[in-house]
PDB file of N, CA and C in Angstrom:
ATOM      1  N   MET A   1       0.782  -1.155   0.076  1.00  0.00           N
ATOM      2  CA  MET A   1       0.041   0.090   0.016  1.00  0.00           C
ATOM      3  C   MET A   1       0.874   1.224   0.096  1.00  0.00           C
ATOM      4  N   MET A   2       0.505   2.055  -0.845  1.00  0.00           N
ATOM      5  CA  MET A   2       1.320   3.472  -0.966  1.00  0.00           C
ATOM      6  C   MET A   2       0.954   4.346   0.146  1.00  0.00           C
ATOM      7  N   THR A   3       1.816   4.962   0.801  1.00  0.00           N
ATOM      8  CA  THR A   3       1.423   6.044   1.887  1.00  0.00           C
ATOM      9  C   THR A   3       1.118   7.342   1.209  1.00  0.00           C
ATOM     10  N   GLN A   4       0.439   8.053   1.945  1.00  0.00           N
ATOM     11  CA  GLN A   4       0.067   9.513   1.484  1.00  0.00           C
ATOM     12  C   GLN A   4       1.439  10.214   1.468  1.00  0.00           C
ATOM     13  N   SER A   5       1.665  11.122   0.292  1.00  0.00           N
ATOM     14  CA  SER A   5       2.770  11.915   0.198  1.00  0.00           C
ATOM     15  C   SER A   5       2.287  13.234  -0.197  1.00  0.00           C
ATOM     16  N   TYR A   6       2.865  14.188   0.408  1.00  0.00           N
ATOM     17  CA  TYR A   6       2.690  15.624   0.131  1.00  0.00           C
ATOM     18  C   TYR A   6       3.898  16.452   0.377  1.00  0.00           C
ATOM     19  N   GLN A   7       4.195  17.227  -0.705  1.00  0.00           N
ATOM     20  CA  GLN A   7       5.403  18.114  -0.610  1.00  0.00           C
ATOM     21  C   GLN A   7       5.300  19.556  -1.030  1.00  0.00           C
ATOM     22  N   LYS A   8       6.124  20.349  -0.699  1.00  0.00           N
ATOM     23  CA  LYS A   8       6.028  21.752  -1.019  1.00  0.00           C
ATOM     24  C   LYS A   8       7.080  22.108  -2.076  1.00  0.00           C
ATOM     25  N   GLY A   9       8.101  21.275  -2.460  1.00  0.00           N
ATOM     26  CA  GLY A   9       9.093  21.490  -3.397  1.00  0.00           C
ATOM     27  C   GLY A   9      10.011  22.606  -2.830  1.00  0.00           C
ATOM     28  N   THR A  10      11.030  22.959  -3.728  1.00  0.00           N
ATOM     29  CA  THR A  10      11.944  23.976  -3.448  1.00  0.00           C
ATOM     30  C   THR A  10      12.160  25.018  -4.551  1.00  0.00           C
ATOM     31  N   ILE A  11      12.624  26.168  -4.294  1.00  0.00           N
ATOM     32  CA  ILE A  11      12.852  27.178  -5.095  1.00  0.00           C
ATOM     33  C   ILE A  11      14.167  27.599  -4.863  1.00  0.00           C
ATOM     34  N   GLN A  12      15.167  27.520  -5.841  1.00  0.00           N
ATOM     35  CA  GLN A  12      16.546  27.969  -5.642  1.00  0.00           C
ATOM     36  C   GLN A  12      16.709  29.266  -6.664  1.00  0.00           C
ATOM     37  N   LYS A  13      17.554  30.161  -5.816  1.00  0.00           N
ATOM     38  CA  LYS A  13      17.968  31.268  -6.731  1.00  0.00           C
ATOM     39  C   LYS A  13      19.293  30.976  -7.367  1.00  0.00           C
ATOM     40  N   ARG A  14      19.424  31.302  -8.647  1.00  0.00           N
ATOM     41  CA  ARG A  14      20.636  30.831  -9.246  1.00  0.00           C
ATOM     42  C   ARG A  14      21.072  32.107 -10.079  1.00  0.00           C
ATOM     43  N   PRO A  15      22.441  32.382 -10.019  1.00  0.00           N
ATOM     44  CA  PRO A  15      22.681  33.627 -10.847  1.00  0.00           C
ATOM     45  C   PRO A  15      22.987  33.134 -12.294  1.00  0.00           C
ATOM     46  N   ARG A  16      22.522  33.917 -13.203  1.00  0.00           N
ATOM     47  CA  ARG A  16      22.614  33.792 -14.533  1.00  0.00           C
ATOM     48  C   ARG A  16      24.081  34.430 -15.020  1.00  0.00           C
ATOM     49  N   ARG A  17      24.426  34.090 -16.240  1.00  0.00           N
ATOM     50  CA  ARG A  17      25.711  34.726 -16.835  1.00  0.00           C
ATOM     51  C   ARG A  17      25.629  36.151 -16.826  1.00  0.00           C
ATOM     52  N   ASP A  18      24.427  36.662 -17.138  1.00  0.00           N
ATOM     53  CA  ASP A  18      24.189  38.167 -17.316  1.00  0.00           C
ATOM     54  C   ASP A  18      24.057  38.973 -16.145  1.00  0.00           C
ATOM     55  N   GLY A  19      24.225  38.285 -14.917  1.00  0.00           N
ATOM     56  CA  GLY A  19      24.191  38.961 -13.655  1.00  0.00           C
ATOM     57  C   GLY A  19      22.736  38.850 -13.204  1.00  0.00           C
ATOM     58  N   THR A  20      21.694  38.467 -13.817  1.00  0.00           N
ATOM     59  CA  THR A  20      20.226  38.313 -13.305  1.00  0.00           C
ATOM     60  C   THR A  20      20.123  37.013 -12.471  1.00  0.00           C
ATOM     61  N   LEU A  21      19.032  37.133 -11.769  1.00  0.00           N
ATOM     62  CA  LEU A  21      18.617  35.922 -11.078  1.00  0.00           C
ATOM     63  C   LEU A  21      17.771  35.015 -11.745  1.00  0.00           C
ATOM     64  N   ALA A  22      17.890  33.700 -11.673  1.00  0.00           N
ATOM     65  CA  ALA A  22      17.106  32.661 -12.160  1.00  0.00           C
ATOM     66  C   ALA A  22      16.416  31.879 -11.098  1.00  0.00           C
ATOM     67  N   TYR A  23      15.221  31.476 -11.321  1.00  0.00           N
ATOM     68  CA  TYR A  23      14.583  30.574 -10.202  1.00  0.00           C
ATOM     69  C   TYR A  23      14.579  29.311 -10.607  1.00  0.00           C
ATOM     70  N   ARG A  24      14.981  28.332  -9.950  1.00  0.00           N
ATOM     71  CA  ARG A  24      15.014  26.866 -10.415  1.00  0.00           C
ATOM     72  C   ARG A  24      14.107  26.129  -9.529  1.00  0.00           C
ATOM     73  N   LEU A  25      12.979  25.558  -9.929  1.00  0.00           N
ATOM     74  CA  LEU A  25      11.961  24.851  -9.114  1.00  0.00           C
ATOM     75  C   LEU A  25      12.356  23.304  -9.136  1.00  0.00           C
ATOM     76  N   ALA A  26      12.194  22.665  -7.917  1.00  0.00           N
ATOM     77  CA  ALA A  26      12.503  21.375  -7.812  1.00  0.00           C
ATOM     78  C   ALA A  26      11.323  20.670  -6.957  1.00  0.00           C
ATOM     79  N   TRP A  27      11.198  19.455  -7.521  1.00  0.00           N
ATOM     80  CA  TRP A  27      10.202  18.714  -6.748  1.00  0.00           C
ATOM     81  C   TRP A  27      10.538  16.963  -7.155  1.00  0.00           C
ATOM     82  N   ARG A  28       9.823  16.086  -6.497  1.00  0.00           N
ATOM     83  CA  ARG A  28      10.081  14.636  -6.763  1.00  0.00           C
ATOM     84  C   ARG A  28       8.611  14.159  -7.154  1.00  0.00           C
ATOM     85  N   GLU A  29       8.685  13.132  -7.954  1.00  0.00           N
ATOM     86  CA  GLU A  29       7.601  12.466  -8.449  1.00  0.00           C
ATOM     87  C   GLU A  29       7.719  11.065  -8.158  1.00  0.00           C
ATOM     88  N   ARG A  30       6.544  10.341  -7.674  1.00  0.00           N
ATOM     89  CA  ARG A  30       6.644   8.983  -7.580  1.00  0.00           C
ATOM     90  C   ARG A  30       6.434   8.245  -8.829  1.00  0.00           C
ATOM     91  N   GLN A  31       7.117   7.251  -9.331  1.00  0.00           N
ATOM     92  CA  GLN A  31       7.061   6.454 -10.444  1.00  0.00           C
ATOM     93  C   GLN A  31       6.132   5.358 -10.195  1.00  0.00           C
ATOM     94  N   SER A  32       5.533   4.537 -11.207  1.00  0.00           N
ATOM     95  CA  SER A  32       4.667   3.435 -11.125  1.00  0.00           C
ATOM     96  C   SER A  32       5.449   2.268 -10.338  1.00  0.00           C
ATOM     97  N   ASP A  33       6.666   2.265 -10.290  1.00  0.00           N
ATOM     98  CA  ASP A  33       7.600   1.261  -9.712  1.00  0.00           C
ATOM     99  C   ASP A  33       7.783   1.694  -8.162  1.00  0.00           C
ATOM    100  N   ALA A  34       7.224   2.599  -7.716  1.00  0.00           N
ATOM    101  CA  ALA A  34       7.371   3.134  -6.323  1.00  0.00           C
ATOM    102  C   ALA A  34       8.729   3.958  -6.165  1.00  0.00           C
ATOM    103  N   GLN A  35       9.505   4.070  -7.103  1.00  0.00           N
ATOM    104  CA  GLN A  35      10.777   4.757  -6.987  1.00  0.00           C
ATOM    105  C   GLN A  35      10.457   6.299  -7.221  1.00  0.00           C
ATOM    106  N   TRP A  36      11.433   7.125  -6.720  1.00  0.00           N
ATOM    107  CA  TRP A  36      11.255   8.576  -6.773  1.00  0.00           C
ATOM    108  C   TRP A  36      12.088   9.164  -7.779  1.00  0.00           C
ATOM    109  N   VAL A  37      11.604  10.108  -8.538  1.00  0.00           N
ATOM    110  CA  VAL A  37      12.540  10.739  -9.460  1.00  0.00           C
ATOM    111  C   VAL A  37      12.560  12.268  -9.283  1.00  0.00           C
ATOM    112  N   GLN A  38      13.753  12.892  -9.283  1.00  0.00           N
ATOM    113  CA  GLN A  38      13.820  14.281  -9.229  1.00  0.00           C
ATOM    114  C   GLN A  38      13.497  14.974 -10.375  1.00  0.00           C
ATOM    115  N   ARG A  39      12.643  16.065 -10.418  1.00  0.00           N
ATOM    116  CA  ARG A  39      12.302  16.906 -11.428  1.00  0.00           C
ATOM    117  C   ARG A  39      12.771  18.298 -11.190  1.00  0.00           C
ATOM    118  N   THR A  40      13.106  19.029 -12.273  1.00  0.00           N
ATOM    119  CA  THR A  40      13.546  20.590 -11.986  1.00  0.00           C
ATOM    120  C   THR A  40      13.022  21.224 -13.242  1.00  0.00           C
ATOM    121  N   MET A  41      12.783  22.512 -13.053  1.00  0.00           N
ATOM    122  CA  MET A  41      12.373  23.338 -14.091  1.00  0.00           C
ATOM    123  C   MET A  41      12.915  24.838 -13.904  1.00  0.00           C
ATOM    124  N   THR A  42      13.503  25.432 -14.802  1.00  0.00           N
ATOM    125  CA  THR A  42      14.039  26.904 -14.607  1.00  0.00           C
ATOM    126  C   THR A  42      12.945  27.790 -15.231  1.00  0.00           C
ATOM    127  N   MET A  43      12.800  28.781 -14.299  1.00  0.00           N
ATOM    128  CA  MET A  43      11.794  29.896 -14.887  1.00  0.00           C
ATOM    129  C   MET A  43      12.409  30.648 -15.916  1.00  0.00           C
ATOM    130  N   PRO A  44      11.543  31.240 -16.841  1.00  0.00           N
ATOM    131  CA  PRO A  44      12.036  32.248 -17.834  1.00  0.00           C
ATOM    132  C   PRO A  44      12.758  33.317 -17.206  1.00  0.00           C
ATOM    133  N   PRO A  45      13.572  34.042 -17.951  1.00  0.00           N
ATOM    134  CA  PRO A  45      14.300  35.312 -17.464  1.00  0.00           C
ATOM    135  C   PRO A  45      13.146  36.248 -17.167  1.00  0.00           C
ATOM    136  N   GLY A  46      13.477  37.101 -16.130  1.00  0.00           N
ATOM    137  CA  GLY A  46      12.648  38.132 -15.711  1.00  0.00           C
ATOM    138  C   GLY A  46      11.599  37.668 -14.762  1.00  0.00           C
ATOM    139  N   SER A  47      11.412  36.460 -14.454  1.00  0.00           N
ATOM    140  CA  SER A  47      10.496  35.943 -13.505  1.00  0.00           C
ATOM    141  C   SER A  47      10.767  36.404 -12.037  1.00  0.00           C
ATOM    142  N   THR A  48       9.770  36.525 -11.371  1.00  0.00           N
ATOM    143  CA  THR A  48       9.876  36.931 -10.028  1.00  0.00           C
ATOM    144  C   THR A  48       9.633  35.742  -8.905  1.00  0.00           C
ATOM    145  N   SER A  49      10.145  35.804  -7.749  1.00  0.00           N
ATOM    146  CA  SER A  49      10.081  34.698  -6.793  1.00  0.00           C
ATOM    147  C   SER A  49       8.585  34.388  -6.567  1.00  0.00           C
ATOM    148  N   LYS A  50       7.713  35.423  -6.650  1.00  0.00           N
ATOM    149  CA  LYS A  50       6.419  35.175  -6.456  1.00  0.00           C
ATOM    150  C   LYS A  50       5.603  34.271  -7.601  1.00  0.00           C
ATOM    151  N   GLU A  51       6.106  34.547  -8.875  1.00  0.00           N
ATOM    152  CA  GLU A  51       5.741  33.833 -10.062  1.00  0.00           C
ATOM    153  C   GLU A  51       6.163  32.387  -9.924  1.00  0.00           C
ATOM    154  N   ALA A  52       7.493  32.299  -9.540  1.00  0.00           N
ATOM    155  CA  ALA A  52       7.980  31.041  -9.264  1.00  0.00           C
ATOM    156  C   ALA A  52       7.268  30.104  -8.430  1.00  0.00           C
ATOM    157  N   ARG A  53       6.826  30.746  -7.120  1.00  0.00           N
ATOM    158  CA  ARG A  53       6.082  29.885  -6.185  1.00  0.00           C
ATOM    159  C   ARG A  53       4.739  29.505  -6.716  1.00  0.00           C
ATOM    160  N   ILE A  54       4.110  30.549  -7.520  1.00  0.00           N
ATOM    161  CA  ILE A  54       2.751  30.091  -8.058  1.00  0.00           C
ATOM    162  C   ILE A  54       2.891  28.984  -9.103  1.00  0.00           C
ATOM    163  N   LYS A  55       3.976  29.025  -9.842  1.00  0.00           N
ATOM    164  CA  LYS A  55       4.209  28.113 -10.912  1.00  0.00           C
ATOM    165  C   LYS A  55       4.436  26.762 -10.102  1.00  0.00           C
ATOM    166  N   LEU A  56       5.242  26.641  -8.988  1.00  0.00           N
ATOM    167  CA  LEU A  56       5.455  25.461  -8.422  1.00  0.00           C
ATOM    168  C   LEU A  56       4.413  24.950  -7.674  1.00  0.00           C
ATOM    169  N   ASP A  57       3.492  25.781  -7.087  1.00  0.00           N
ATOM    170  CA  ASP A  57       2.244  25.302  -6.372  1.00  0.00           C
ATOM    171  C   ASP A  57       1.333  24.744  -7.519  1.00  0.00           C
ATOM    172  N   GLN A  58       1.203  25.269  -8.713  1.00  0.00           N
ATOM    173  CA  GLN A  58       0.409  24.600  -9.821  1.00  0.00           C
ATOM    174  C   GLN A  58       0.951  23.104 -10.086  1.00  0.00           C
ATOM    175  N   ILE A  59       2.298  23.013 -10.349  1.00  0.00           N
ATOM    176  CA  ILE A  59       2.824  21.778 -10.732  1.00  0.00           C
ATOM    177  C   ILE A  59       2.539  20.803  -9.464  1.00  0.00           C
ATOM    178  N   LEU A  60       2.871  21.235  -8.134  1.00  0.00           N
ATOM    179  CA  LEU A  60       2.663  20.470  -7.089  1.00  0.00           C
ATOM    180  C   LEU A  60       1.214  19.952  -6.678  1.00  0.00           C
ATOM    181  N   ASP A  61       0.264  20.748  -7.127  1.00  0.00           N
ATOM    182  CA  ASP A  61      -1.196  20.366  -6.934  1.00  0.00           C
ATOM    183  C   ASP A  61      -1.414  19.083  -7.796  1.00  0.00           C
ATOM    184  N   LYS A  62      -0.857  18.964  -8.970  1.00  0.00           N
ATOM    185  CA  LYS A  62      -1.123  17.794  -9.762  1.00  0.00           C
ATOM    186  C   LYS A  62      -0.182  16.667  -9.298  1.00  0.00           C
ATOM    187  N   VAL A  63       0.977  16.848  -8.874  1.00  0.00           N
ATOM    188  CA  VAL A  63       2.007  15.926  -8.443  1.00  0.00           C
ATOM    189  C   VAL A  63       1.506  15.237  -7.123  1.00  0.00           C
ATOM    190  N   ASN A  64       1.147  16.058  -6.143  1.00  0.00           N
ATOM    191  CA  ASN A  64       0.706  15.546  -4.858  1.00  0.00           C
ATOM    192  C   ASN A  64      -0.558  14.734  -4.926  1.00  0.00           C
ATOM    193  N   ASP A  65      -1.548  15.281  -5.870  1.00  0.00           N
ATOM    194  CA  ASP A  65      -2.733  14.453  -6.137  1.00  0.00           C
ATOM    195  C   ASP A  65      -2.303  13.083  -6.646  1.00  0.00           C
ATOM    196  N   ARG A  66      -1.345  13.043  -7.813  1.00  0.00           N
ATOM    197  CA  ARG A  66      -0.973  11.720  -8.259  1.00  0.00           C
ATOM    198  C   ARG A  66      -0.195  10.887  -7.350  1.00  0.00           C
ATOM    199  N   ASN A  67       0.603  11.538  -6.495  1.00  0.00           N
ATOM    200  CA  ASN A  67       1.503  10.771  -5.522  1.00  0.00           C
ATOM    201  C   ASN A  67       0.736  10.036  -4.431  1.00  0.00           C
ATOM    202  N   GLY A  68      -0.333  10.601  -4.039  1.00  0.00           N
ATOM    203  CA  GLY A  68      -1.274   9.902  -2.970  1.00  0.00           C
ATOM    204  C   GLY A  68      -2.151   8.966  -3.497  1.00  0.00           C
ATOM    205  N   GLN A  69      -2.332   8.677  -4.757  1.00  0.00           N
ATOM    206  CA  GLN A  69      -3.358   7.733  -5.340  1.00  0.00           C
ATOM    207  C   GLN A  69      -2.471   6.579  -5.913  1.00  0.00           C
ATOM    208  N   SER A  70      -3.319   5.455  -5.951  1.00  0.00           N
ATOM    209  CA  SER A  70      -2.774   4.337  -6.553  1.00  0.00           C
ATOM    210  C   SER A  70      -3.053   4.330  -8.051  1.00  0.00           C
ATOM    211  N   ALA A  71      -2.630   3.525  -8.880  1.00  0.00           N
ATOM    212  CA  ALA A  71      -2.882   3.605 -10.247  1.00  0.00           C
ATOM    213  C   ALA A  71      -4.451   3.251 -10.466  1.00  0.00           C
ATOM    214  N   GLU A  72      -4.834   3.650 -11.856  1.00  0.00           N
ATOM    215  CA  GLU A  72      -6.209   3.349 -11.980  1.00  0.00           C
ATOM    216  C   GLU A  72      -6.467   1.915 -11.989  1.00  0.00           C
ATOM    217  N   ALA A  73      -7.599   1.658 -11.522  1.00  0.00           N
ATOM    218  CA  ALA A  73      -7.997   0.148 -11.491  1.00  0.00           C
ATOM    219  C   ALA A  73      -8.297  -0.429 -12.876  1.00  0.00           C
ATOM    220  N   ASP A  74      -7.733  -1.633 -13.038  1.00  0.00           N
ATOM    221  CA  ASP A  74      -7.737  -2.198 -14.398  1.00  0.00           C
ATOM    222  C   ASP A  74      -8.599  -3.442 -14.196  1.00  0.00           C
ATOM    223  N   PRO A  75      -9.792  -3.471 -14.689  1.00  0.00           N
ATOM    224  CA  PRO A  75     -10.564  -4.755 -14.404  1.00  0.00           C
ATOM    225  C   PRO A  75     -10.082  -6.026 -14.987  1.00  0.00           C
ATOM    226  N   SER A  76      -9.300  -5.898 -16.084  1.00  0.00           N
ATOM    227  CA  SER A  76      -8.584  -7.024 -16.768  1.00  0.00           C
ATOM    228  C   SER A  76      -7.361  -7.619 -16.108  1.00  0.00           C
ATOM    229  N   LEU A  77      -7.025  -6.832 -15.010  1.00  0.00           N
ATOM    230  CA  LEU A  77      -5.638  -7.177 -14.450  1.00  0.00           C
ATOM    231  C   LEU A  77      -5.879  -8.600 -13.713  1.00  0.00           C
ATOM    232  N   THR A  78      -4.975  -9.474 -14.004  1.00  0.00           N
ATOM    233  CA  THR A  78      -4.847 -10.716 -13.348  1.00  0.00           C
ATOM    234  C   THR A  78      -3.866 -10.676 -12.134  1.00  0.00           C
ATOM    235  N   PHE A  79      -3.865 -11.850 -11.400  1.00  0.00           N
ATOM    236  CA  PHE A  79      -2.812 -11.900 -10.387  1.00  0.00           C
ATOM    237  C   PHE A  79      -1.414 -11.903 -10.960  1.00  0.00           C
ATOM    238  N   GLY A  80      -1.173 -12.656 -11.976  1.00  0.00           N
ATOM    239  CA  GLY A  80      -0.052 -12.842 -12.785  1.00  0.00           C
ATOM    240  C   GLY A  80       0.514 -11.469 -13.304  1.00  0.00           C
ATOM    241  N   GLY A  81      -0.481 -10.730 -13.900  1.00  0.00           N
ATOM    242  CA  GLY A  81      -0.105  -9.321 -14.394  1.00  0.00           C
ATOM    243  C   GLY A  81       0.124  -8.343 -13.259  1.00  0.00           C
ATOM    244  N   PHE A  82      -0.356  -8.417 -12.236  1.00  0.00           N
ATOM    245  CA  PHE A  82       0.161  -7.518 -11.016  1.00  0.00           C
ATOM    246  C   PHE A  82       1.316  -8.029 -10.620  1.00  0.00           C
ATOM    247  N   VAL A  83       1.616  -9.159 -10.505  1.00  0.00           N
ATOM    248  CA  VAL A  83       2.977  -9.751  -9.888  1.00  0.00           C
ATOM    249  C   VAL A  83       4.051  -9.087 -11.002  1.00  0.00           C
ATOM    250  N   GLY A  84       3.789  -9.308 -12.157  1.00  0.00           N
ATOM    251  CA  GLY A  84       4.649  -8.915 -13.087  1.00  0.00           C
ATOM    252  C   GLY A  84       5.102  -7.325 -13.188  1.00  0.00           C
ATOM    253  N   ARG A  85       3.980  -6.576 -13.008  1.00  0.00           N
ATOM    254  CA  ARG A  85       4.106  -5.190 -13.007  1.00  0.00           C
ATOM    255  C   ARG A  85       4.403  -4.714 -11.802  1.00  0.00           C
ATOM    256  N   HIS A  86       3.943  -4.825 -10.474  1.00  0.00           N
ATOM    257  CA  HIS A  86       4.056  -4.268  -9.260  1.00  0.00           C
ATOM    258  C   HIS A  86       4.910  -4.909  -8.244  1.00  0.00           C
ATOM    259  N   TRP A  87       4.496  -6.298  -8.188  1.00  0.00           N
ATOM    260  CA  TRP A  87       5.108  -7.025  -7.149  1.00  0.00           C
ATOM    261  C   TRP A  87       6.543  -7.153  -7.199  1.00  0.00           C
ATOM    262  N   GLU A  88       7.151  -7.378  -8.249  1.00  0.00           N
ATOM    263  CA  GLU A  88       8.567  -7.616  -8.346  1.00  0.00           C
ATOM    264  C   GLU A  88       9.415  -6.485  -7.961  1.00  0.00           C
ATOM    265  N   ALA A  89       8.973  -5.195  -8.258  1.00  0.00           N
ATOM    266  CA  ALA A  89       9.528  -3.892  -7.772  1.00  0.00           C
ATOM    267  C   ALA A  89       9.419  -3.858  -6.288  1.00  0.00           C
ATOM    268  N   TYR A  90       8.441  -4.224  -5.677  1.00  0.00           N
ATOM    269  CA  TYR A  90       8.202  -4.321  -4.316  1.00  0.00           C
ATOM    270  C   TYR A  90       9.089  -5.233  -3.720  1.00  0.00           C
ATOM    271  N   GLN A  91       9.201  -6.443  -4.123  1.00  0.00           N
ATOM    272  CA  GLN A  91       9.925  -7.440  -3.543  1.00  0.00           C
ATOM    273  C   GLN A  91      11.559  -6.978  -3.415  1.00  0.00           C
ATOM    274  N   LYS A  92      11.963  -6.227  -4.669  1.00  0.00           N
ATOM    275  CA  LYS A  92      13.371  -5.889  -4.640  1.00  0.00           C
ATOM    276  C   LYS A  92      13.761  -4.900  -3.430  1.00  0.00           C
ATOM    277  N   ASN A  93      12.708  -4.127  -3.002  1.00  0.00           N
ATOM    278  CA  ASN A  93      12.984  -3.159  -1.892  1.00  0.00           C
ATOM    279  C   ASN A  93      12.890  -3.973  -0.462  1.00  0.00           C
ATOM    280  N   GLN A  94      12.445  -5.049  -0.488  1.00  0.00           N
ATOM    281  CA  GLN A  94      12.158  -5.681   0.841  1.00  0.00           C
ATOM    282  C   GLN A  94      13.381  -6.751   1.183  1.00  0.00           C
ATOM    283  N   ALA A  95      13.491  -7.029   2.242  1.00  0.00           N
ATOM    284  CA  ALA A  95      14.620  -8.070   2.858  1.00  0.00           C
ATOM    285  C   ALA A  95      13.844  -9.318   3.135  1.00  0.00           C
ATOM    286  N   LEU A  96      13.439 -10.224   2.084  1.00  0.00           N
ATOM    287  CA  LEU A  96      12.488 -11.273   2.343  1.00  0.00           C
ATOM    288  C   LEU A  96      13.526 -12.514   2.398  1.00  0.00           C
ATOM    289  N   ARG A  97      13.065 -13.377   3.374  1.00  0.00           N
ATOM    290  CA  ARG A  97      13.817 -14.607   3.450  1.00  0.00           C
ATOM    291  C   ARG A  97      13.579 -15.647   2.394  1.00  0.00           C
ATOM    292  N   PRO A  98      14.596 -16.496   2.148  1.00  0.00           N
ATOM    293  CA  PRO A  98      14.349 -17.400   0.977  1.00  0.00           C
ATOM    294  C   PRO A  98      13.104 -18.334   0.981  1.00  0.00           C
ATOM    295  N   ARG A  99      12.669 -18.619   2.244  1.00  0.00           N
ATOM    296  CA  ARG A  99      11.341 -19.439   2.554  1.00  0.00           C
ATOM    297  C   ARG A  99      10.237 -18.583   2.185  1.00  0.00           C
ATOM    298  N   SER A 100      10.283 -17.367   2.401  1.00  0.00           N
ATOM    299  CA  SER A 100       9.208 -16.359   1.950  1.00  0.00           C
ATOM    300  C   SER A 100       9.036 -16.107   0.439  1.00  0.00           C
ATOM    301  N   LEU A 101      10.287 -16.056  -0.216  1.00  0.00           N
ATOM    302  CA  LEU A 101      10.275 -16.027  -1.531  1.00  0.00           C
ATOM    303  C   LEU A 101       9.772 -17.220  -2.204  1.00  0.00           C
ATOM    304  N   SER A 102      10.129 -18.291  -1.730  1.00  0.00           N
ATOM    305  CA  SER A 102       9.566 -19.700  -2.301  1.00  0.00           C
ATOM    306  C   SER A 102       8.078 -19.765  -2.188  1.00  0.00           C
ATOM    307  N   ALA A 103       7.451 -19.405  -1.042  1.00  0.00           N
ATOM    308  CA  ALA A 103       6.097 -19.367  -0.938  1.00  0.00           C
ATOM    309  C   ALA A 103       5.498 -18.472  -1.958  1.00  0.00           C
ATOM    310  N   ILE A 104       5.975 -17.357  -2.042  1.00  0.00           N
ATOM    311  CA  ILE A 104       5.456 -16.338  -3.036  1.00  0.00           C
ATOM    312  C   ILE A 104       5.521 -16.985  -4.265  1.00  0.00           C
ATOM    313  N   ARG A 105       6.618 -17.414  -4.888  1.00  0.00           N
ATOM    314  CA  ARG A 105       6.589 -18.140  -6.158  1.00  0.00           C
ATOM    315  C   ARG A 105       5.560 -19.209  -6.417  1.00  0.00           C
ATOM    316  N   ASN A 106       5.413 -19.961  -5.310  1.00  0.00           N
ATOM    317  CA  ASN A 106       4.275 -21.138  -5.465  1.00  0.00           C
ATOM    318  C   ASN A 106       2.980 -20.564  -5.573  1.00  0.00           C
ATOM    319  N   LEU A 107       2.740 -19.395  -4.908  1.00  0.00           N
ATOM    320  CA  LEU A 107       1.376 -18.727  -5.068  1.00  0.00           C
ATOM    321  C   LEU A 107       1.176 -18.009  -6.385  1.00  0.00           C
ATOM    322  N   GLU A 108       2.291 -17.373  -6.891  1.00  0.00           N
ATOM    323  CA  GLU A 108       2.363 -16.809  -8.171  1.00  0.00           C
ATOM    324  C   GLU A 108       1.919 -17.903  -9.236  1.00  0.00           C
ATOM    325  N   LYS A 109       2.452 -19.129  -9.181  1.00  0.00           N
ATOM    326  CA  LYS A 109       2.176 -20.105 -10.166  1.00  0.00           C
ATOM    327  C   LYS A 109       0.750 -20.607 -10.174  1.00  0.00           C
ATOM    328  N   SER A 110       0.236 -20.840  -9.036  1.00  0.00           N
ATOM    329  CA  SER A 110      -1.186 -21.224  -8.877  1.00  0.00           C
ATOM    330  C   SER A 110      -2.245 -20.322  -9.028  1.00  0.00           C
ATOM    331  N   GLU A 111      -1.961 -19.068  -8.881  1.00  0.00           N
ATOM    332  CA  GLU A 111      -2.941 -18.015  -9.041  1.00  0.00           C
ATOM    333  C   GLU A 111      -2.730 -17.127 -10.145  1.00  0.00           C
ATOM    334  N   ALA A 112      -1.873 -17.284 -11.120  1.00  0.00           N
ATOM    335  CA  ALA A 112      -1.473 -16.493 -12.081  1.00  0.00           C
ATOM    336  C   ALA A 112      -2.541 -15.804 -12.948  1.00  0.00           C
ATOM    337  N   GLU A 113      -3.417 -16.765 -13.378  1.00  0.00           N
ATOM    338  CA  GLU A 113      -4.614 -16.398 -14.288  1.00  0.00           C
ATOM    339  C   GLU A 113      -5.841 -15.931 -13.641  1.00  0.00           C
ATOM    340  N   ARG A 114      -5.818 -15.787 -12.212  1.00  0.00           N
ATOM    341  CA  ARG A 114      -7.096 -15.493 -11.551  1.00  0.00           C
ATOM    342  C   ARG A 114      -7.315 -13.983 -11.560  1.00  0.00           C
ATOM    343  N   PRO A 115      -8.510 -13.440 -12.005  1.00  0.00           N
ATOM    344  CA  PRO A 115      -8.843 -12.003 -12.055  1.00  0.00           C
ATOM    345  C   PRO A 115      -8.677 -11.451 -10.530  1.00  0.00           C
ATOM    346  N   ILE A 116      -8.282 -10.253 -10.370  1.00  0.00           N
ATOM    347  CA  ILE A 116      -8.149  -9.510  -9.318  1.00  0.00           C
ATOM    348  C   ILE A 116      -9.619  -8.808  -9.075  1.00  0.00           C
ATOM    349  N   ALA A 117     -10.337  -9.110  -7.913  1.00  0.00           N
ATOM    350  CA  ALA A 117     -11.403  -8.396  -7.563  1.00  0.00           C
ATOM    351  C   ALA A 117     -11.299  -7.013  -7.309  1.00  0.00           C
ATOM    352  N   ILE A 118     -11.905  -6.027  -7.997  1.00  0.00           N
ATOM    353  CA  ILE A 118     -11.796  -4.595  -7.788  1.00  0.00           C
ATOM    354  C   ILE A 118     -13.055  -4.212  -7.054  1.00  0.00           C
ATOM    355  N   SER A 119     -12.494  -3.628  -5.930  1.00  0.00           N
ATOM    356  CA  SER A 119     -13.581  -3.018  -4.890  1.00  0.00           C
ATOM    357  C   SER A 119     -13.641  -1.549  -5.151  1.00  0.00           C
ATOM    358  N   GLY A 120     -14.840  -1.090  -5.239  1.00  0.00           N
ATOM    359  CA  GLY A 120     -14.851   0.308  -5.520  1.00  0.00           C
ATOM    360  C   GLY A 120     -15.713   1.155  -4.506  1.00  0.00           C
TER     361      GLY A 120
END
């Protein structure tokens, strides 16, 4: 289960070669494999810190909505499809014992084509 995630991002002042300031926006996005990716964007020349904050807030409204939600429900998703797409990434992040991995593999084989019940 994914935990709820909320972030404010950061705004960095960076000097340009012409002596003016540039505002660099930075935030992180959660990928479908539960890994995080750093994203950045530099505001156009002449932008103010207030404009940078407004732009970052617009970006983060979408990102925070997406980060706190699971993927769209797919009624055709089978247990085997789930294992292939999501479970393997999860297992890589866990310290599972060999006996647990063996039990999981046996379950994967026996239940691979069973549809996953979607509750809504």
